[in-house]
Amino acid sequence: MARLLGILVAAIAVTFGANWLLDSFVDEYVVRIINLCGISIILAVSLNVINGLCGQFSLGHAGFMAIGAYVSAYFTTTLRYFDEAATKYVAIEPMFASEWGFVPALLAGGLVAAAAGAVVGIPTLRLKGDYLAIATLGFGEIVTIMITNFEKVGGANGLPGLPPYSNTFWIFSFVVLVIMLSWTLQRSTFGRALIAIRENELAAEVMGIPASRLKVMAFIYGAFFAGVAGGLLGHLLQTISPATFNFMKSIEVVVMLVLGGLGSMTGAVVGAIVLTALPEALRDVESGLGLPGIRMVVYSLVLILLMIFRPQGIFGQKELSLKLLARLLPGKKGDK
């Protein structure tokens, strides 16, 4: 535990330094893409616990993102409670209070999303396969329809004017947190129980594993970080609307998992980076060739070819390790 805490502190310190370097020496557009990659990593790694580790097929991540985004936006724009509390009770300077108030706002968004995950997960996780996918997809659509018809949060026009609190430091601090928690969870008794449920739920229950309760807990975990990611995205874009969190967003996160390898946290990270950065990288190709829309054709072809020749994804269910790297490096046939 002490070792993990040390790694966490060191990683956050590195993130702080990276934030300063990026802001000082890297183009603003590139920094924005890096930050979007970070948010995608949070989404993919958290969904991997549900879809990859536990073997459930959820399509509701965009709904939890929407809840987290709107709740955190409510705190940072309407109430400003955390900013005032930080200034009054913690003696933080007003110029820093707004940013430190951002973290409780994000956590509030994550907690409300987690509560929604519990409410949705308890009845729907009794379903399996396609039925669960349809139920969770329906939840996401219900959330967007409710927001669209709720004029106090902007309705279909969305909610503009969010403060630009999301930066590389906050985004990648949560990236480090979700990766470390998920890595620890995956190697814990809880994680092994989730894998047992994925492989054979009936056999797991016979062995005394409370499958229903553990599935709901995994669902709540994923919903919490989806809510946090939604808050980070909203304060990066500085505007949110129901269209930002439509069902295609949920599909996009699932594709990240499938591309990287369902059940592999390393694959989730790589898939998130590829699917977020590749369309932007192809934008230059599109403008150079003078063929509008060609980047999406190339993007689609890359995904189709990968699914044909590597259907298990880039990493399958493996994690990046020194042994895996040694296996990939060229060497003699007899080498072990």
Protein backbone atom coordinates (compact mmCIF):
# COMPACT_ATOMS: atom_id res chain seq x y z
CA MET A 1 0.00 0.00 0.00
CA ALA A 2 2.82 2.42 0.90
CA ARG A 3 4.54 1.57 -2.38
CA LEU A 4 1.37 2.32 -4.37
CA LEU A 5 0.94 5.61 -2.52
CA GLY A 6 4.53 6.54 -3.33
CA ILE A 7 4.01 5.72 -7.01
CA LEU A 8 0.79 7.78 -7.02
CA VAL A 9 2.51 10.83 -5.49
CA ALA A 10 5.45 10.51 -7.92
CA ALA A 11 3.10 10.14 -10.90
CA ILE A 12 1.10 13.24 -9.90
CA ALA A 13 4.36 15.19 -9.48
CA VAL A 14 5.41 14.14 -12.99
CA THR A 15 1.96 15.16 -14.25
CA PHE A 16 2.39 18.60 -12.68
CA GLY A 17 5.76 19.01 -14.41
CA ALA A 18 4.35 17.76 -17.72
CA ASN A 19 1.50 20.27 -17.46
CA TRP A 20 4.00 23.14 -17.09
CA LEU A 21 6.14 21.91 -19.99
CA LEU A 22 3.17 21.44 -22.32
CA ASP A 23 1.69 24.84 -21.50
CA SER A 24 5.08 26.51 -21.99
CA PHE A 25 6.50 24.80 -25.07
CA VAL A 26 3.78 22.87 -26.94
CA ASP A 27 1.18 24.22 -29.36
CA GLU A 28 -2.26 24.76 -27.80
CA TYR A 29 -3.96 22.51 -30.38
CA VAL A 30 -1.61 19.61 -29.57
CA VAL A 31 -2.19 20.11 -25.83
CA ARG A 32 -5.94 19.96 -26.45
CA ILE A 33 -5.61 16.64 -28.31
CA ILE A 34 -3.44 15.25 -25.49
CA ASN A 35 -6.08 16.30 -22.95
CA LEU A 36 -8.85 14.67 -25.02
CA CYS A 37 -6.73 11.49 -25.11
CA GLY A 38 -6.51 11.63 -21.31
CA ILE A 39 -10.30 11.90 -20.94
CA SER A 40 -10.73 8.99 -23.37
CA ILE A 41 -8.31 6.90 -21.27
CA ILE A 42 -10.41 7.52 -18.14
CA LEU A 43 -13.54 6.42 -20.02
CA ALA A 44 -11.96 3.34 -21.60
CA VAL A 45 -10.19 2.08 -18.46
CA SER A 46 -13.32 2.52 -16.30
CA LEU A 47 -15.54 0.78 -18.88
CA ASN A 48 -12.98 -2.03 -19.13
CA VAL A 49 -13.81 -3.00 -15.54
CA ILE A 50 -17.46 -3.52 -16.57
CA ASN A 51 -17.17 -4.86 -20.12
CA GLY A 52 -13.71 -6.42 -20.07
CA LEU A 53 -13.04 -7.62 -16.54
CA CYS A 54 -16.61 -8.45 -15.53
CA GLY A 55 -17.82 -9.50 -18.98
CA GLN A 56 -21.00 -7.37 -18.98
CA PHE A 57 -21.94 -5.46 -22.14
CA SER A 58 -22.82 -1.91 -21.11
CA LEU A 59 -23.63 0.88 -23.56
CA GLY A 60 -24.57 3.46 -20.93
CA HIS A 61 -21.25 5.25 -20.38
CA ALA A 62 -22.35 8.38 -22.26
CA GLY A 63 -25.34 8.70 -19.93
CA PHE A 64 -23.10 8.67 -16.86
CA MET A 65 -20.80 11.18 -18.57
CA ALA A 66 -23.75 13.51 -19.12
CA ILE A 67 -24.81 13.28 -15.47
CA GLY A 68 -21.28 14.02 -14.25
CA ALA A 69 -20.84 16.89 -16.71
CA TYR A 70 -24.08 18.66 -15.81
CA VAL A 71 -23.71 18.16 -12.05
CA SER A 72 -20.13 19.47 -11.99
CA ALA A 73 -21.15 22.37 -14.27
CA TYR A 74 -23.97 23.20 -11.85
CA PHE A 75 -21.50 23.50 -8.98
CA THR A 76 -18.87 25.49 -10.88
CA THR A 77 -21.26 27.92 -12.62
CA THR A 78 -24.48 28.20 -10.62
CA LEU A 79 -23.65 27.51 -6.99
CA ARG A 80 -19.92 28.32 -6.79
CA TYR A 81 -20.22 26.83 -3.29
CA PHE A 82 -16.86 25.10 -3.35
CA ASP A 83 -15.03 28.26 -4.44
CA GLU A 84 -16.49 30.28 -1.56
CA ALA A 85 -15.87 27.49 0.97
CA ALA A 86 -12.23 27.14 -0.14
CA THR A 87 -11.69 30.89 0.31
CA LYS A 88 -13.56 31.20 3.61
CA TYR A 89 -12.71 28.03 5.55
CA VAL A 90 -9.46 26.69 4.07
CA ALA A 91 -7.76 30.09 3.65
CA ILE A 92 -6.97 29.51 -0.03
CA GLU A 93 -6.29 32.64 -2.07
CA PRO A 94 -9.27 33.60 -4.30
CA MET A 95 -7.16 33.19 -7.47
CA PHE A 96 -6.55 29.50 -6.54
CA ALA A 97 -9.92 28.79 -4.93
CA SER A 98 -11.78 28.33 -8.21
CA GLU A 99 -9.44 25.60 -9.41
CA TRP A 100 -9.39 23.78 -6.07
CA GLY A 101 -13.18 24.04 -5.98
CA PHE A 102 -13.17 22.22 -9.32
CA VAL A 103 -12.10 18.92 -7.74
CA PRO A 104 -15.06 18.67 -5.30
CA ALA A 105 -17.35 19.62 -8.21
CA LEU A 106 -15.90 16.75 -10.27
CA LEU A 107 -16.26 14.34 -7.35
CA ALA A 108 -19.87 15.47 -6.84
CA GLY A 109 -20.55 14.73 -10.51
CA GLY A 110 -18.89 11.34 -10.17
CA LEU A 111 -20.87 10.47 -7.02
CA VAL A 112 -24.21 11.40 -8.61
CA ALA A 113 -23.26 9.31 -11.66
CA ALA A 114 -22.30 6.43 -9.33
CA ALA A 115 -25.68 6.71 -7.57
CA ALA A 116 -27.36 6.57 -10.98
CA GLY A 117 -25.20 3.54 -11.76
CA ALA A 118 -26.52 1.79 -8.65
CA VAL A 119 -30.14 2.64 -9.51
CA VAL A 120 -29.71 1.41 -13.09
CA GLY A 121 -27.37 -1.49 -12.34
CA ILE A 122 -29.43 -3.28 -9.67
CA PRO A 123 -32.34 -4.17 -12.02
CA THR A 124 -30.54 -4.25 -15.40
CA LEU A 125 -27.55 -6.41 -14.43
CA ARG A 126 -29.93 -9.33 -14.01
CA LEU A 127 -30.07 -9.23 -17.81
CA LYS A 128 -27.34 -10.69 -20.01
CA GLY A 129 -25.78 -10.07 -23.41
CA ASP A 130 -27.81 -8.09 -25.92
CA TYR A 131 -30.62 -7.47 -23.44
CA LEU A 132 -28.24 -5.72 -21.04
CA ALA A 133 -26.75 -3.69 -23.91
CA ILE A 134 -30.23 -2.52 -24.99
CA ALA A 135 -31.23 -1.66 -21.42
CA THR A 136 -28.10 0.42 -20.76
CA LEU A 137 -28.37 2.08 -24.17
CA GLY A 138 -31.95 2.98 -23.29
CA PHE A 139 -30.74 4.54 -20.04
CA GLY A 140 -28.32 6.77 -21.95
CA GLU A 141 -31.07 7.89 -24.31
CA ILE A 142 -33.41 8.64 -21.38
CA VAL A 143 -30.73 10.86 -19.81
CA THR A 144 -30.19 12.87 -23.01
CA ILE A 145 -33.95 13.25 -23.60
CA MET A 146 -34.48 14.46 -20.02
CA ILE A 147 -31.67 17.03 -20.37
CA THR A 148 -33.03 18.16 -23.75
CA ASN A 149 -36.41 18.90 -22.17
CA PHE A 150 -35.02 20.55 -19.04
CA GLU A 151 -34.74 24.24 -19.88
CA LYS A 152 -32.98 25.20 -16.62
CA VAL A 153 -29.80 23.54 -17.91
CA GLY A 154 -30.13 24.94 -21.42
CA GLY A 155 -32.26 22.21 -22.96
CA ALA A 156 -31.29 21.23 -26.50
CA ASN A 157 -29.12 24.36 -26.84
CA GLY A 158 -26.81 23.16 -24.10
CA LEU A 159 -25.03 24.96 -21.31
CA PRO A 160 -22.29 27.38 -22.49
CA GLY A 161 -19.87 29.48 -20.48
CA LEU A 162 -18.29 26.78 -18.31
CA PRO A 163 -15.04 27.94 -16.69
CA PRO A 164 -11.91 26.48 -18.38
CA TYR A 165 -10.74 24.54 -15.31
CA SER A 166 -9.75 21.32 -17.11
CA ASN A 167 -6.04 21.22 -17.88
CA THR A 168 -3.35 18.60 -18.33
CA PHE A 169 -2.63 18.42 -14.61
CA TRP A 170 -6.19 17.67 -13.48
CA ILE A 171 -6.99 15.38 -16.40
CA PHE A 172 -3.86 13.25 -16.07
CA SER A 173 -4.07 13.20 -12.28
CA PHE A 174 -7.38 11.38 -12.75
CA VAL A 175 -5.81 9.23 -15.50
CA VAL A 176 -3.13 8.11 -13.02
CA LEU A 177 -5.78 7.53 -10.34
CA VAL A 178 -8.10 5.41 -12.50
CA ILE A 179 -5.21 3.34 -13.90
CA MET A 180 -3.72 2.65 -10.47
CA LEU A 181 -7.09 1.82 -8.89
CA SER A 182 -8.07 -0.43 -11.81
CA TRP A 183 -4.66 -2.14 -11.81
CA THR A 184 -4.93 -2.81 -8.07
CA LEU A 185 -8.55 -3.93 -8.41
CA GLN A 186 -7.67 -6.31 -11.25
CA ARG A 187 -5.13 -8.11 -9.05
CA SER A 188 -7.28 -8.17 -5.92
CA THR A 189 -9.71 -10.83 -4.71
CA PHE A 190 -12.51 -8.63 -6.03
CA GLY A 191 -10.91 -8.49 -9.49
CA ARG A 192 -10.38 -12.26 -9.61
CA ALA A 193 -14.02 -12.74 -8.64
CA LEU A 194 -15.08 -10.47 -11.53
CA ILE A 195 -12.96 -12.53 -13.93
CA ALA A 196 -14.61 -15.71 -12.60
CA ILE A 197 -18.03 -14.14 -13.28
CA ARG A 198 -16.91 -13.26 -16.81
CA GLU A 199 -15.70 -16.78 -17.54
CA ASN A 200 -18.67 -18.64 -16.05
CA GLU A 201 -21.19 -16.82 -13.88
CA LEU A 202 -23.06 -19.96 -12.81
CA ALA A 203 -19.86 -21.71 -11.72
CA ALA A 204 -18.77 -18.56 -9.85
CA GLU A 205 -22.06 -18.48 -7.93
CA VAL A 206 -21.74 -22.17 -7.09
CA MET A 207 -18.30 -21.40 -5.63
CA GLY A 208 -19.91 -18.81 -3.34
CA ILE A 209 -19.14 -15.62 -5.28
CA PRO A 210 -22.03 -13.10 -4.93
CA ALA A 211 -22.19 -12.37 -8.67
CA SER A 212 -25.11 -9.90 -8.62
CA ARG A 213 -23.58 -7.73 -5.90
CA LEU A 214 -20.11 -7.68 -7.47
CA LYS A 215 -21.50 -6.79 -10.91
CA VAL A 216 -23.35 -3.83 -9.42
CA MET A 217 -20.18 -2.70 -7.60
CA ALA A 218 -18.20 -2.86 -10.87
CA PHE A 219 -20.98 -0.91 -12.59
CA ILE A 220 -20.90 1.79 -9.89
CA TYR A 221 -17.10 2.04 -10.19
CA GLY A 222 -17.30 2.54 -13.95
CA ALA A 223 -20.16 5.04 -13.62
CA PHE A 224 -18.21 7.15 -11.10
CA PHE A 225 -15.22 7.63 -13.38
CA ALA A 226 -17.47 8.19 -16.40
CA GLY A 227 -19.09 11.02 -14.42
CA VAL A 228 -15.67 12.49 -13.59
CA ALA A 229 -14.63 12.23 -17.26
CA GLY A 230 -17.84 14.01 -18.27
CA GLY A 231 -17.03 16.87 -15.89
CA LEU A 232 -13.48 17.12 -17.23
CA LEU A 233 -14.73 17.13 -20.83
CA GLY A 234 -17.32 19.82 -20.12
CA HIS A 235 -14.78 22.15 -18.52
CA LEU A 236 -12.31 21.49 -21.35
CA LEU A 237 -14.83 22.29 -24.12
CA GLN A 238 -16.39 25.04 -21.94
CA THR A 239 -19.83 24.09 -23.23
CA ILE A 240 -21.99 20.98 -22.94
CA SER A 241 -25.15 19.85 -24.69
CA PRO A 242 -27.17 16.61 -24.94
CA ALA A 243 -25.63 16.00 -28.39
CA THR A 244 -22.18 15.72 -26.77
CA PHE A 245 -23.35 12.61 -24.90
CA ASN A 246 -25.44 10.76 -27.49
CA PHE A 247 -25.31 6.98 -27.95
CA MET A 248 -22.45 7.28 -30.46
CA LYS A 249 -20.21 8.39 -27.59
CA SER A 250 -20.94 5.11 -25.78
CA ILE A 251 -20.23 3.16 -28.98
CA GLU A 252 -16.95 5.06 -29.40
CA VAL A 253 -15.75 4.02 -25.93
CA VAL A 254 -16.70 0.37 -26.57
CA VAL A 255 -14.76 0.46 -29.87
CA MET A 256 -11.71 1.72 -27.93
CA LEU A 257 -11.91 -1.41 -25.76
CA VAL A 258 -12.41 -3.77 -28.69
CA LEU A 259 -9.55 -2.16 -30.61
CA GLY A 260 -7.10 -2.42 -27.70
CA GLY A 261 -8.30 -5.80 -26.49
CA LEU A 262 -11.34 -6.46 -24.33
CA GLY A 263 -10.13 -7.22 -20.81
CA SER A 264 -6.72 -5.58 -21.19
CA MET A 265 -6.16 -2.31 -19.35
CA THR A 266 -3.10 -1.62 -21.51
CA GLY A 267 -5.27 -2.22 -24.55
CA ALA A 268 -7.88 0.21 -23.22
CA VAL A 269 -5.22 2.93 -22.88
CA VAL A 270 -3.78 2.29 -26.36
CA GLY A 271 -7.24 2.05 -27.96
CA ALA A 272 -8.29 5.34 -26.36
CA ILE A 273 -5.18 7.14 -27.63
CA VAL A 274 -5.44 5.71 -31.16
CA LEU A 275 -9.15 6.43 -31.63
CA THR A 276 -8.82 9.96 -30.24
CA ALA A 277 -5.60 11.01 -31.99
CA LEU A 278 -5.94 9.17 -35.33
CA PRO A 279 -8.84 11.26 -36.75
CA GLU A 280 -6.92 14.44 -35.94
CA ALA A 281 -3.69 13.08 -37.44
CA LEU A 282 -5.58 12.19 -40.63
CA ARG A 283 -6.95 15.74 -40.85
CA ASP A 284 -3.59 16.88 -42.32
CA VAL A 285 -3.73 14.06 -44.88
CA GLU A 286 -7.25 15.14 -45.83
CA SER A 287 -6.26 18.78 -46.37
CA GLY A 288 -3.08 17.77 -48.25
CA LEU A 289 -4.99 15.57 -50.72
CA GLY A 290 -7.83 18.06 -51.06
CA LEU A 291 -10.42 15.30 -50.52
CA PRO A 292 -12.94 16.30 -47.82
CA GLY A 293 -14.08 13.33 -45.73
CA ILE A 294 -11.20 11.02 -46.78
CA ARG A 295 -9.88 10.92 -43.20
CA MET A 296 -13.02 9.14 -42.00
CA VAL A 297 -12.73 6.63 -44.86
CA VAL A 298 -9.10 5.87 -43.92
CA TYR A 299 -10.05 5.79 -40.23
CA SER A 300 -12.81 3.25 -40.92
CA LEU A 301 -10.57 1.10 -43.12
CA VAL A 302 -7.89 0.92 -40.43
CA LEU A 303 -10.48 -0.32 -37.91
CA ILE A 304 -11.99 -2.85 -40.36
CA LEU A 305 -8.58 -4.28 -41.30
CA LEU A 306 -7.57 -4.55 -37.66
CA MET A 307 -10.78 -6.40 -36.79
CA ILE A 308 -10.21 -8.80 -39.71
CA PHE A 309 -6.55 -9.59 -38.98
CA ARG A 310 -6.56 -9.07 -35.21
CA PRO A 311 -10.13 -9.73 -33.98
CA GLN A 312 -9.00 -10.08 -30.35
CA GLY A 313 -7.64 -6.51 -30.45
CA ILE A 314 -4.09 -5.21 -30.28
CA PHE A 315 -3.29 -6.75 -26.87
CA GLY A 316 -6.02 -9.40 -26.54
CA GLN A 317 -6.36 -9.92 -22.79
CA LYS A 318 -2.64 -9.40 -22.14
CA GLU A 319 -1.06 -6.49 -20.28
CA LEU A 320 2.13 -4.70 -21.26
CA SER A 321 5.06 -6.21 -19.36
CA LEU A 322 8.78 -6.83 -19.74
CA LYS A 323 8.05 -10.46 -20.66
CA LEU A 324 5.64 -9.38 -23.41
CA LEU A 325 8.14 -6.84 -24.75
CA ALA A 326 10.88 -9.48 -24.77
CA ARG A 327 8.59 -11.79 -26.72
CA LEU A 328 7.86 -9.08 -29.28
CA LEU A 329 11.52 -8.13 -29.79
CA PRO A 330 13.36 -10.04 -32.55
CA GLY A 331 15.71 -12.75 -31.32
CA LYS A 332 16.85 -16.28 -31.87
CA LYS A 333 14.23 -19.00 -32.12
CA GLY A 334 15.69 -20.84 -29.19
CA ASP A 335 15.67 -17.81 -26.91
CA LYS A 336 13.23 -17.90 -24.02
